Each structure stands twice: as C-alpha cells, then as structure tokens.
Amino acid sequence: MKRYAETQNELIDRVKLALNTESFYRVGKVLGISERTLAKADKNQHFLTDYNICLLCDVGGLDALKTLACIRQIEANEKGNDKVAEFWQKQTNAA
C-alpha cells in the first residue's frame, strides 16, 4: 500500500479504513472537521485546507507533504493555474 494519497477521495477512504468506519460523521467527529466539508471534498466539490489534509494524513498514517502536493496539483490543474500545478508536480516528484 502506498504511503501517501494522490486524491482527496483516496485520503478520506484511508482515514475511514484507519478508523474502521464508512461514516463522514464519525470521521468528522473524531477529527473536528465538519461532515459536510468531508462529503464535499469526497465529491471533489471542495478542496480541503492544508491543515485538514495534514490532520487526515496523520490519522491515516500517510506522508502529509507528498499527499498535500498531489492534492494541490489537482486543485491548480482544475483552476487552470499551470505555473502552480507545475510547482506542485515538482514537489510530488521530490517528496
């Protein structure tokens, strides 16, 4: 199993696995993140904050910096910011 998540969906799934739950409510309750925020992030309707990504990585036992770089690259691509996407791609490769 990889030591990082490439997407928000993968990150949330790994945390659900670590907490032995399928519930956004339970994940949110344990971590102090709203159920709505998690559900929207899982549907790619919202990008998590850096803090929330790192918090989820901690619980899921994942490399926070590589996961953050992957997710921020996706976000930059979706927003059409090629320069920022290129920066995060370099960070992903370096981590």
PDB file of N, CA and C in Angstrom:
ATOM      1  N   MET A   1       0.833  -1.175   0.000  1.00  0.00           N
ATOM      2  CA  MET A   1       0.000   0.000   0.000  1.00  0.00           C
ATOM      3  C   MET A   1       0.887   1.252   0.000  1.00  0.00           C
ATOM      4  N   LYS A   2       0.497   2.251  -0.818  1.00  0.00           N
ATOM      5  CA  LYS A   2       1.267   3.492  -0.891  1.00  0.00           C
ATOM      6  C   LYS A   2       1.250   4.206   0.454  1.00  0.00           C
ATOM      7  N   ARG A   3       2.291   4.974   0.707  1.00  0.00           N
ATOM      8  CA  ARG A   3       2.396   5.739   1.961  1.00  0.00           C
ATOM      9  C   ARG A   3       1.861   7.158   1.815  1.00  0.00           C
ATOM     10  N   TYR A   4       1.187   7.438   0.713  1.00  0.00           N
ATOM     11  CA  TYR A   4       0.585   8.752   0.506  1.00  0.00           C
ATOM     12  C   TYR A   4      -0.702   8.581  -0.294  1.00  0.00           C
ATOM     13  N   ALA A   5      -1.536   9.612  -0.303  1.00  0.00           N
ATOM     14  CA  ALA A   5      -2.769   9.590  -1.093  1.00  0.00           C
ATOM     15  C   ALA A   5      -2.612  10.549  -2.260  1.00  0.00           C
ATOM     16  N   GLU A   6      -3.100  10.160  -3.415  1.00  0.00           N
ATOM     17  CA  GLU A   6      -2.985  11.003  -4.601  1.00  0.00           C
ATOM     18  C   GLU A   6      -4.178  11.936  -4.761  1.00  0.00           C
ATOM     19  N   THR A   7      -5.305  11.614  -4.135  1.00  0.00           N
ATOM     20  CA  THR A   7      -6.516  12.419  -4.256  1.00  0.00           C
ATOM     21  C   THR A   7      -7.186  12.564  -2.897  1.00  0.00           C
ATOM     22  N   GLN A   8      -8.096  13.505  -2.817  1.00  0.00           N
ATOM     23  CA  GLN A   8      -8.860  13.677  -1.582  1.00  0.00           C
ATOM     24  C   GLN A   8      -9.696  12.442  -1.293  1.00  0.00           C
ATOM     25  N   ASN A   9     -10.270  11.851  -2.342  1.00  0.00           N
ATOM     26  CA  ASN A   9     -11.088  10.656  -2.168  1.00  0.00           C
ATOM     27  C   ASN A   9     -10.265   9.534  -1.534  1.00  0.00           C
ATOM     28  N   GLU A  10      -9.075   9.344  -2.050  1.00  0.00           N
ATOM     29  CA  GLU A  10      -8.193   8.304  -1.527  1.00  0.00           C
ATOM     30  C   GLU A  10      -7.800   8.607  -0.079  1.00  0.00           C
ATOM     31  N   LEU A  11      -7.531   9.868   0.208  1.00  0.00           N
ATOM     32  CA  LEU A  11      -7.175  10.274   1.562  1.00  0.00           C
ATOM     33  C   LEU A  11      -8.310   9.977   2.535  1.00  0.00           C
ATOM     34  N   ILE A  12      -9.506  10.378   2.181  1.00  0.00           N
ATOM     35  CA  ILE A  12     -10.660  10.153   3.054  1.00  0.00           C
ATOM     36  C   ILE A  12     -10.930   8.660   3.219  1.00  0.00           C
ATOM     37  N   ASP A  13     -10.813   7.903   2.146  1.00  0.00           N
ATOM     38  CA  ASP A  13     -11.004   6.445   2.230  1.00  0.00           C
ATOM     39  C   ASP A  13      -9.995   5.803   3.174  1.00  0.00           C
ATOM     40  N   ARG A  14      -8.737   6.256   3.118  1.00  0.00           N
ATOM     41  CA  ARG A  14      -7.711   5.693   4.004  1.00  0.00           C
ATOM     42  C   ARG A  14      -8.000   6.011   5.467  1.00  0.00           C
ATOM     43  N   VAL A  15      -8.524   7.203   5.725  1.00  0.00           N
ATOM     44  CA  VAL A  15      -8.865   7.574   7.098  1.00  0.00           C
ATOM     45  C   VAL A  15     -10.062   6.753   7.576  1.00  0.00           C
ATOM     46  N   LYS A  16     -11.039   6.563   6.713  1.00  0.00           N
ATOM     47  CA  LYS A  16     -12.188   5.716   7.079  1.00  0.00           C
ATOM     48  C   LYS A  16     -11.714   4.318   7.434  1.00  0.00           C
ATOM     49  N   LEU A  17     -10.785   3.797   6.663  1.00  0.00           N
ATOM     50  CA  LEU A  17     -10.222   2.477   6.927  1.00  0.00           C
ATOM     51  C   LEU A  17      -9.502   2.464   8.274  1.00  0.00           C
ATOM     52  N   ALA A  18      -8.708   3.487   8.534  1.00  0.00           N
ATOM     53  CA  ALA A  18      -7.959   3.564   9.791  1.00  0.00           C
ATOM     54  C   ALA A  18      -8.892   3.657  10.996  1.00  0.00           C
ATOM     55  N   LEU A  19     -10.029   4.334  10.824  1.00  0.00           N
ATOM     56  CA  LEU A  19     -10.986   4.488  11.916  1.00  0.00           C
ATOM     57  C   LEU A  19     -12.058   3.399  11.917  1.00  0.00           C
ATOM     58  N   ASN A  20     -11.963   2.499  10.937  1.00  0.00           N
ATOM     59  CA  ASN A  20     -12.916   1.393  10.824  1.00  0.00           C
ATOM     60  C   ASN A  20     -14.357   1.907  10.756  1.00  0.00           C
ATOM     61  N   THR A  21     -14.588   2.822   9.826  1.00  0.00           N
ATOM     62  CA  THR A  21     -15.920   3.401   9.648  1.00  0.00           C
ATOM     63  C   THR A  21     -16.145   3.745   8.190  1.00  0.00           C
ATOM     64  N   GLU A  22     -17.389   3.877   7.805  1.00  0.00           N
ATOM     65  CA  GLU A  22     -17.757   4.365   6.474  1.00  0.00           C
ATOM     66  C   GLU A  22     -18.428   5.728   6.576  1.00  0.00           C
ATOM     67  N   SER A  23     -18.483   6.264   7.772  1.00  0.00           N
ATOM     68  CA  SER A  23     -19.257   7.458   8.064  1.00  0.00           C
ATOM     69  C   SER A  23     -18.421   8.739   8.056  1.00  0.00           C
ATOM     70  N   PHE A  24     -18.857   9.718   7.245  1.00  0.00           N
ATOM     71  CA  PHE A  24     -18.240  11.037   7.291  1.00  0.00           C
ATOM     72  C   PHE A  24     -18.475  11.653   8.665  1.00  0.00           C
ATOM     73  N   TYR A  25     -19.628  11.377   9.241  1.00  0.00           N
ATOM     74  CA  TYR A  25     -19.963  11.911  10.558  1.00  0.00           C
ATOM     75  C   TYR A  25     -18.926  11.474  11.586  1.00  0.00           C
ATOM     76  N   ARG A  26     -18.605  10.179  11.605  1.00  0.00           N
ATOM     77  CA  ARG A  26     -17.647   9.657  12.588  1.00  0.00           C
ATOM     78  C   ARG A  26     -16.251  10.237  12.361  1.00  0.00           C
ATOM     79  N   VAL A  27     -15.819  10.285  11.113  1.00  0.00           N
ATOM     80  CA  VAL A  27     -14.505  10.863  10.800  1.00  0.00           C
ATOM     81  C   VAL A  27     -14.466  12.317  11.254  1.00  0.00           C
ATOM     82  N   GLY A  28     -15.511  13.052  10.919  1.00  0.00           N
ATOM     83  CA  GLY A  28     -15.574  14.454  11.298  1.00  0.00           C
ATOM     84  C   GLY A  28     -15.589  14.662  12.800  1.00  0.00           C
ATOM     85  N   LYS A  29     -16.325  13.815  13.501  1.00  0.00           N
ATOM     86  CA  LYS A  29     -16.426  13.918  14.953  1.00  0.00           C
ATOM     87  C   LYS A  29     -15.062  13.672  15.604  1.00  0.00           C
ATOM     88  N   VAL A  30     -14.363  12.649  15.137  1.00  0.00           N
ATOM     89  CA  VAL A  30     -13.054  12.311  15.692  1.00  0.00           C
ATOM     90  C   VAL A  30     -12.028  13.414  15.429  1.00  0.00           C
ATOM     91  N   LEU A  31     -12.087  14.017  14.229  1.00  0.00           N
ATOM     92  CA  LEU A  31     -11.056  14.975  13.825  1.00  0.00           C
ATOM     93  C   LEU A  31     -11.446  16.446  13.941  1.00  0.00           C
ATOM     94  N   GLY A  32     -12.708  16.709  14.227  1.00  0.00           N
ATOM     95  CA  GLY A  32     -13.131  18.096  14.323  1.00  0.00           C
ATOM     96  C   GLY A  32     -13.289  18.778  12.972  1.00  0.00           C
ATOM     97  N   ILE A  33     -13.631  18.003  11.963  1.00  0.00           N
ATOM     98  CA  ILE A  33     -13.896  18.523  10.616  1.00  0.00           C
ATOM     99  C   ILE A  33     -15.378  18.275  10.345  1.00  0.00           C
ATOM    100  N   SER A  34     -16.053  19.235   9.757  1.00  0.00           N
ATOM    101  CA  SER A  34     -17.493  19.047   9.547  1.00  0.00           C
ATOM    102  C   SER A  34     -17.765  17.917   8.556  1.00  0.00           C
ATOM    103  N   GLU A  35     -18.841  17.221   8.817  1.00  0.00           N
ATOM    104  CA  GLU A  35     -19.287  16.132   7.936  1.00  0.00           C
ATOM    105  C   GLU A  35     -19.513  16.672   6.527  1.00  0.00           C
ATOM    106  N   ARG A  36     -20.081  17.860   6.436  1.00  0.00           N
ATOM    107  CA  ARG A  36     -20.355  18.482   5.134  1.00  0.00           C
ATOM    108  C   ARG A  36     -19.063  18.752   4.365  1.00  0.00           C
ATOM    109  N   THR A  37     -18.050  19.240   5.050  1.00  0.00           N
ATOM    110  CA  THR A  37     -16.747  19.505   4.414  1.00  0.00           C
ATOM    111  C   THR A  37     -16.157  18.221   3.849  1.00  0.00           C
ATOM    112  N   LEU A  38     -16.206  17.155   4.629  1.00  0.00           N
ATOM    113  CA  LEU A  38     -15.670  15.868   4.168  1.00  0.00           C
ATOM    114  C   LEU A  38     -16.454  15.331   2.978  1.00  0.00           C
ATOM    115  N   ALA A  39     -17.782  15.422   3.047  1.00  0.00           N
ATOM    116  CA  ALA A  39     -18.617  14.916   1.957  1.00  0.00           C
ATOM    117  C   ALA A  39     -18.365  15.697   0.666  1.00  0.00           C
ATOM    118  N   LYS A  40     -18.259  17.019   0.770  1.00  0.00           N
ATOM    119  CA  LYS A  40     -17.998  17.839  -0.419  1.00  0.00           C
ATOM    120  C   LYS A  40     -16.603  17.565  -0.981  1.00  0.00           C
ATOM    121  N   ALA A  41     -15.627  17.373  -0.110  1.00  0.00           N
ATOM    122  CA  ALA A  41     -14.268  17.060  -0.565  1.00  0.00           C
ATOM    123  C   ALA A  41     -14.242  15.695  -1.246  1.00  0.00           C
ATOM    124  N   ASP A  42     -14.976  14.742  -0.710  1.00  0.00           N
ATOM    125  CA  ASP A  42     -15.021  13.400  -1.288  1.00  0.00           C
ATOM    126  C   ASP A  42     -15.643  13.417  -2.681  1.00  0.00           C
ATOM    127  N   LYS A  43     -16.549  14.366  -2.933  1.00  0.00           N
ATOM    128  CA  LYS A  43     -17.192  14.506  -4.245  1.00  0.00           C
ATOM    129  C   LYS A  43     -16.440  15.485  -5.142  1.00  0.00           C
ATOM    130  N   ASN A  44     -15.283  15.958  -4.666  1.00  0.00           N
ATOM    131  CA  ASN A  44     -14.463  16.934  -5.396  1.00  0.00           C
ATOM    132  C   ASN A  44     -15.209  18.236  -5.675  1.00  0.00           C
ATOM    133  N   GLN A  45     -16.077  18.614  -4.746  1.00  0.00           N
ATOM    134  CA  GLN A  45     -16.786  19.892  -4.851  1.00  0.00           C
ATOM    135  C   GLN A  45     -16.097  20.966  -4.015  1.00  0.00           C
ATOM    136  N   HIS A  46     -15.096  20.567  -3.249  1.00  0.00           N
ATOM    137  CA  HIS A  46     -14.414  21.472  -2.328  1.00  0.00           C
ATOM    138  C   HIS A  46     -13.025  20.907  -2.055  1.00  0.00           C
ATOM    139  N   PHE A  47     -12.037  21.790  -1.943  1.00  0.00           N
ATOM    140  CA  PHE A  47     -10.699  21.331  -1.587  1.00  0.00           C
ATOM    141  C   PHE A  47     -10.461  21.577  -0.101  1.00  0.00           C
ATOM    142  N   LEU A  48      -9.932  20.570   0.555  1.00  0.00           N
ATOM    143  CA  LEU A  48      -9.623  20.656   1.977  1.00  0.00           C
ATOM    144  C   LEU A  48      -8.502  21.657   2.217  1.00  0.00           C
ATOM    145  N   THR A  49      -8.459  22.206   3.421  1.00  0.00           N
ATOM    146  CA  THR A  49      -7.362  23.100   3.794  1.00  0.00           C
ATOM    147  C   THR A  49      -6.097  22.272   4.004  1.00  0.00           C
ATOM    148  N   ASP A  50      -4.968  22.941   3.990  1.00  0.00           N
ATOM    149  CA  ASP A  50      -3.694  22.264   4.254  1.00  0.00           C
ATOM    150  C   ASP A  50      -3.727  21.592   5.622  1.00  0.00           C
ATOM    151  N   TYR A  51      -4.259  22.306   6.601  1.00  0.00           N
ATOM    152  CA  TYR A  51      -4.345  21.759   7.958  1.00  0.00           C
ATOM    153  C   TYR A  51      -5.167  20.468   7.981  1.00  0.00           C
ATOM    154  N   ASN A  52      -6.329  20.487   7.335  1.00  0.00           N
ATOM    155  CA  ASN A  52      -7.177  19.289   7.332  1.00  0.00           C
ATOM    156  C   ASN A  52      -6.524  18.127   6.593  1.00  0.00           C
ATOM    157  N   ILE A  53      -5.837  18.424   5.507  1.00  0.00           N
ATOM    158  CA  ILE A  53      -5.129  17.367   4.780  1.00  0.00           C
ATOM    159  C   ILE A  53      -4.070  16.732   5.684  1.00  0.00           C
ATOM    160  N   CYS A  54      -3.305  17.558   6.358  1.00  0.00           N
ATOM    161  CA  CYS A  54      -2.255  17.040   7.251  1.00  0.00           C
ATOM    162  C   CYS A  54      -2.846  16.274   8.426  1.00  0.00           C
ATOM    163  N   LEU A  55      -3.954  16.754   8.960  1.00  0.00           N
ATOM    164  CA  LEU A  55      -4.633  16.073  10.055  1.00  0.00           C
ATOM    165  C   LEU A  55      -5.120  14.694   9.613  1.00  0.00           C
ATOM    166  N   LEU A  56      -5.735  14.630   8.458  1.00  0.00           N
ATOM    167  CA  LEU A  56      -6.211  13.354   7.916  1.00  0.00           C
ATOM    168  C   LEU A  56      -5.042  12.410   7.646  1.00  0.00           C
ATOM    169  N   CYS A  57      -3.949  12.943   7.119  1.00  0.00           N
ATOM    170  CA  CYS A  57      -2.768  12.120   6.867  1.00  0.00           C
ATOM    171  C   CYS A  57      -2.224  11.524   8.163  1.00  0.00           C
ATOM    172  N   ASP A  58      -2.218  12.322   9.212  1.00  0.00           N
ATOM    173  CA  ASP A  58      -1.730  11.848  10.500  1.00  0.00           C
ATOM    174  C   ASP A  58      -2.541  10.649  10.978  1.00  0.00           C
ATOM    175  N   VAL A  59      -3.841  10.745  10.886  1.00  0.00           N
ATOM    176  CA  VAL A  59      -4.712   9.651  11.323  1.00  0.00           C
ATOM    177  C   VAL A  59      -4.582   8.444  10.383  1.00  0.00           C
ATOM    178  N   GLY A  60      -4.437   8.717   9.101  1.00  0.00           N
ATOM    179  CA  GLY A  60      -4.340   7.633   8.122  1.00  0.00           C
ATOM    180  C   GLY A  60      -2.954   7.041   7.976  1.00  0.00           C
ATOM    181  N   GLY A  61      -1.969   7.609   8.686  1.00  0.00           N
ATOM    182  CA  GLY A  61      -0.604   7.106   8.602  1.00  0.00           C
ATOM    183  C   GLY A  61       0.044   7.366   7.257  1.00  0.00           C
ATOM    184  N   LEU A  62      -0.269   8.514   6.667  1.00  0.00           N
ATOM    185  CA  LEU A  62       0.218   8.844   5.329  1.00  0.00           C
ATOM    186  C   LEU A  62       1.227   9.984   5.359  1.00  0.00           C
ATOM    187  N   ASP A  63       2.064  10.044   4.333  1.00  0.00           N
ATOM    188  CA  ASP A  63       3.033  11.120   4.160  1.00  0.00           C
ATOM    189  C   ASP A  63       2.264  12.398   3.831  1.00  0.00           C
ATOM    190  N   ALA A  64       2.250  13.338   4.759  1.00  0.00           N
ATOM    191  CA  ALA A  64       1.457  14.552   4.609  1.00  0.00           C
ATOM    192  C   ALA A  64       1.959  15.445   3.481  1.00  0.00           C
ATOM    193  N   LEU A  65       3.270  15.602   3.348  1.00  0.00           N
ATOM    194  CA  LEU A  65       3.791  16.510   2.333  1.00  0.00           C
ATOM    195  C   LEU A  65       3.547  16.011   0.921  1.00  0.00           C
ATOM    196  N   LYS A  66       3.741  14.732   0.706  1.00  0.00           N
ATOM    197  CA  LYS A  66       3.504  14.188  -0.641  1.00  0.00           C
ATOM    198  C   LYS A  66       2.010  14.208  -0.971  1.00  0.00           C
ATOM    199  N   THR A  67       1.180  13.882   0.019  1.00  0.00           N
ATOM    200  CA  THR A  67      -0.264  13.913  -0.189  1.00  0.00           C
ATOM    201  C   THR A  67      -0.723  15.341  -0.484  1.00  0.00           C
ATOM    202  N   LEU A  68      -0.236  16.293   0.291  1.00  0.00           N
ATOM    203  CA  LEU A  68      -0.580  17.699   0.087  1.00  0.00           C
ATOM    204  C   LEU A  68      -0.177  18.152  -1.319  1.00  0.00           C
ATOM    205  N   ALA A  69       1.012  17.784  -1.741  1.00  0.00           N
ATOM    206  CA  ALA A  69       1.487  18.165  -3.076  1.00  0.00           C
ATOM    207  C   ALA A  69       0.598  17.585  -4.176  1.00  0.00           C
ATOM    208  N   CYS A  70       0.196  16.341  -4.028  1.00  0.00           N
ATOM    209  CA  CYS A  70      -0.676  15.705  -5.026  1.00  0.00           C
ATOM    210  C   CYS A  70      -2.028  16.419  -5.117  1.00  0.00           C
ATOM    211  N   ILE A  71      -2.613  16.696  -3.961  1.00  0.00           N
ATOM    212  CA  ILE A  71      -3.931  17.328  -3.935  1.00  0.00           C
ATOM    213  C   ILE A  71      -3.863  18.765  -4.439  1.00  0.00           C
ATOM    214  N   ARG A  72      -2.835  19.492  -4.063  1.00  0.00           N
ATOM    215  CA  ARG A  72      -2.702  20.875  -4.526  1.00  0.00           C
ATOM    216  C   ARG A  72      -2.422  20.935  -6.029  1.00  0.00           C
ATOM    217  N   GLN A  73      -1.747  19.939  -6.573  1.00  0.00           N
ATOM    218  CA  GLN A  73      -1.529  19.899  -8.017  1.00  0.00           C
ATOM    219  C   GLN A  73      -2.862  19.721  -8.743  1.00  0.00           C
ATOM    220  N   ILE A  74      -3.700  18.831  -8.242  1.00  0.00           N
ATOM    221  CA  ILE A  74      -5.027  18.628  -8.837  1.00  0.00           C
ATOM    222  C   ILE A  74      -5.833  19.926  -8.771  1.00  0.00           C
ATOM    223  N   GLU A  75      -5.787  20.577  -7.612  1.00  0.00           N
ATOM    224  CA  GLU A  75      -6.526  21.833  -7.436  1.00  0.00           C
ATOM    225  C   GLU A  75      -6.048  22.882  -8.440  1.00  0.00           C
ATOM    226  N   ALA A  76      -4.743  23.032  -8.586  1.00  0.00           N
ATOM    227  CA  ALA A  76      -4.196  24.015  -9.524  1.00  0.00           C
ATOM    228  C   ALA A  76      -4.590  23.684 -10.965  1.00  0.00           C
ATOM    229  N   ASN A  77      -4.564  22.405 -11.314  1.00  0.00           N
ATOM    230  CA  ASN A  77      -4.980  21.990 -12.659  1.00  0.00           C
ATOM    231  C   ASN A  77      -6.435  22.337 -12.910  1.00  0.00           C
ATOM    232  N   GLU A  78      -7.293  22.075 -11.919  1.00  0.00           N
ATOM    233  CA  GLU A  78      -8.719  22.367 -12.073  1.00  0.00           C
ATOM    234  C   GLU A  78      -8.985  23.862 -12.202  1.00  0.00           C
ATOM    235  N   LYS A  79      -8.151  24.669 -11.564  1.00  0.00           N
ATOM    236  CA  LYS A  79      -8.312  26.120 -11.623  1.00  0.00           C
ATOM    237  C   LYS A  79      -7.578  26.726 -12.821  1.00  0.00           C
ATOM    238  N   GLY A  80      -6.894  25.879 -13.591  1.00  0.00           N
ATOM    239  CA  GLY A  80      -6.188  26.344 -14.779  1.00  0.00           C
ATOM    240  C   GLY A  80      -4.931  27.133 -14.490  1.00  0.00           C
ATOM    241  N   ASN A  81      -4.348  26.913 -13.327  1.00  0.00           N
ATOM    242  CA  ASN A  81      -3.137  27.627 -12.955  1.00  0.00           C
ATOM    243  C   ASN A  81      -1.922  26.728 -13.215  1.00  0.00           C
ATOM    244  N   ASP A  82      -1.443  26.778 -14.442  1.00  0.00           N
ATOM    245  CA  ASP A  82      -0.368  25.883 -14.882  1.00  0.00           C
ATOM    246  C   ASP A  82       0.928  26.065 -14.097  1.00  0.00           C
ATOM    247  N   LYS A  83       1.267  27.290 -13.759  1.00  0.00           N
ATOM    248  CA  LYS A  83       2.508  27.551 -13.037  1.00  0.00           C
ATOM    249  C   LYS A  83       2.473  26.915 -11.645  1.00  0.00           C
ATOM    250  N   VAL A  84       1.353  27.057 -10.959  1.00  0.00           N
ATOM    251  CA  VAL A  84       1.211  26.465  -9.627  1.00  0.00           C
ATOM    252  C   VAL A  84       1.176  24.938  -9.737  1.00  0.00           C
ATOM    253  N   ALA A  85       0.481  24.419 -10.731  1.00  0.00           N
ATOM    254  CA  ALA A  85       0.422  22.963 -10.942  1.00  0.00           C
ATOM    255  C   ALA A  85       1.821  22.400 -11.188  1.00  0.00           C
ATOM    256  N   GLU A  86       2.607  23.117 -11.975  1.00  0.00           N
ATOM    257  CA  GLU A  86       3.981  22.683 -12.258  1.00  0.00           C
ATOM    258  C   GLU A  86       4.811  22.670 -10.975  1.00  0.00           C
ATOM    259  N   PHE A  87       4.646  23.692 -10.136  1.00  0.00           N
ATOM    260  CA  PHE A  87       5.356  23.734  -8.858  1.00  0.00           C
ATOM    261  C   PHE A  87       5.013  22.508  -8.009  1.00  0.00           C
ATOM    262  N   TRP A  88       3.715  22.216  -7.864  1.00  0.00           N
ATOM    263  CA  TRP A  88       3.311  21.074  -7.039  1.00  0.00           C
ATOM    264  C   TRP A  88       3.744  19.749  -7.655  1.00  0.00           C
ATOM    265  N   GLN A  89       3.790  19.683  -8.978  1.00  0.00           N
ATOM    266  CA  GLN A  89       4.281  18.468  -9.633  1.00  0.00           C
ATOM    267  C   GLN A  89       5.729  18.221  -9.253  1.00  0.00           C
ATOM    268  N   LYS A  90       6.538  19.267  -9.228  1.00  0.00           N
ATOM    269  CA  LYS A  90       7.936  19.121  -8.827  1.00  0.00           C
ATOM    270  C   LYS A  90       8.027  18.656  -7.382  1.00  0.00           C
ATOM    271  N   GLN A  91       7.166  19.171  -6.522  1.00  0.00           N
ATOM    272  CA  GLN A  91       7.180  18.765  -5.116  1.00  0.00           C
ATOM    273  C   GLN A  91       6.767  17.301  -4.961  1.00  0.00           C
ATOM    274  N   THR A  92       5.823  16.883  -5.760  1.00  0.00           N
ATOM    275  CA  THR A  92       5.364  15.493  -5.733  1.00  0.00           C
ATOM    276  C   THR A  92       6.502  14.562  -6.128  1.00  0.00           C
ATOM    277  N   ASN A  93       7.233  14.940  -7.164  1.00  0.00           N
ATOM    278  CA  ASN A  93       8.333  14.115  -7.630  1.00  0.00           C
ATOM    279  C   ASN A  93       9.504  14.103  -6.644  1.00  0.00           C
ATOM    280  N   ALA A  94       9.708  15.207  -5.924  1.00  0.00           N
ATOM    281  CA  ALA A  94      10.824  15.334  -4.998  1.00  0.00           C
ATOM    282  C   ALA A  94      10.567  14.629  -3.671  1.00  0.00           C
ATOM    283  N   ALA A  95       9.304  14.568  -3.295  1.00  0.00           N
ATOM    284  CA  ALA A  95       8.970  14.008  -1.964  1.00  0.00           C
ATOM    285  C   ALA A  95       9.184  12.510  -1.890  1.00  0.00           C
TER     286      ALA A  95
END
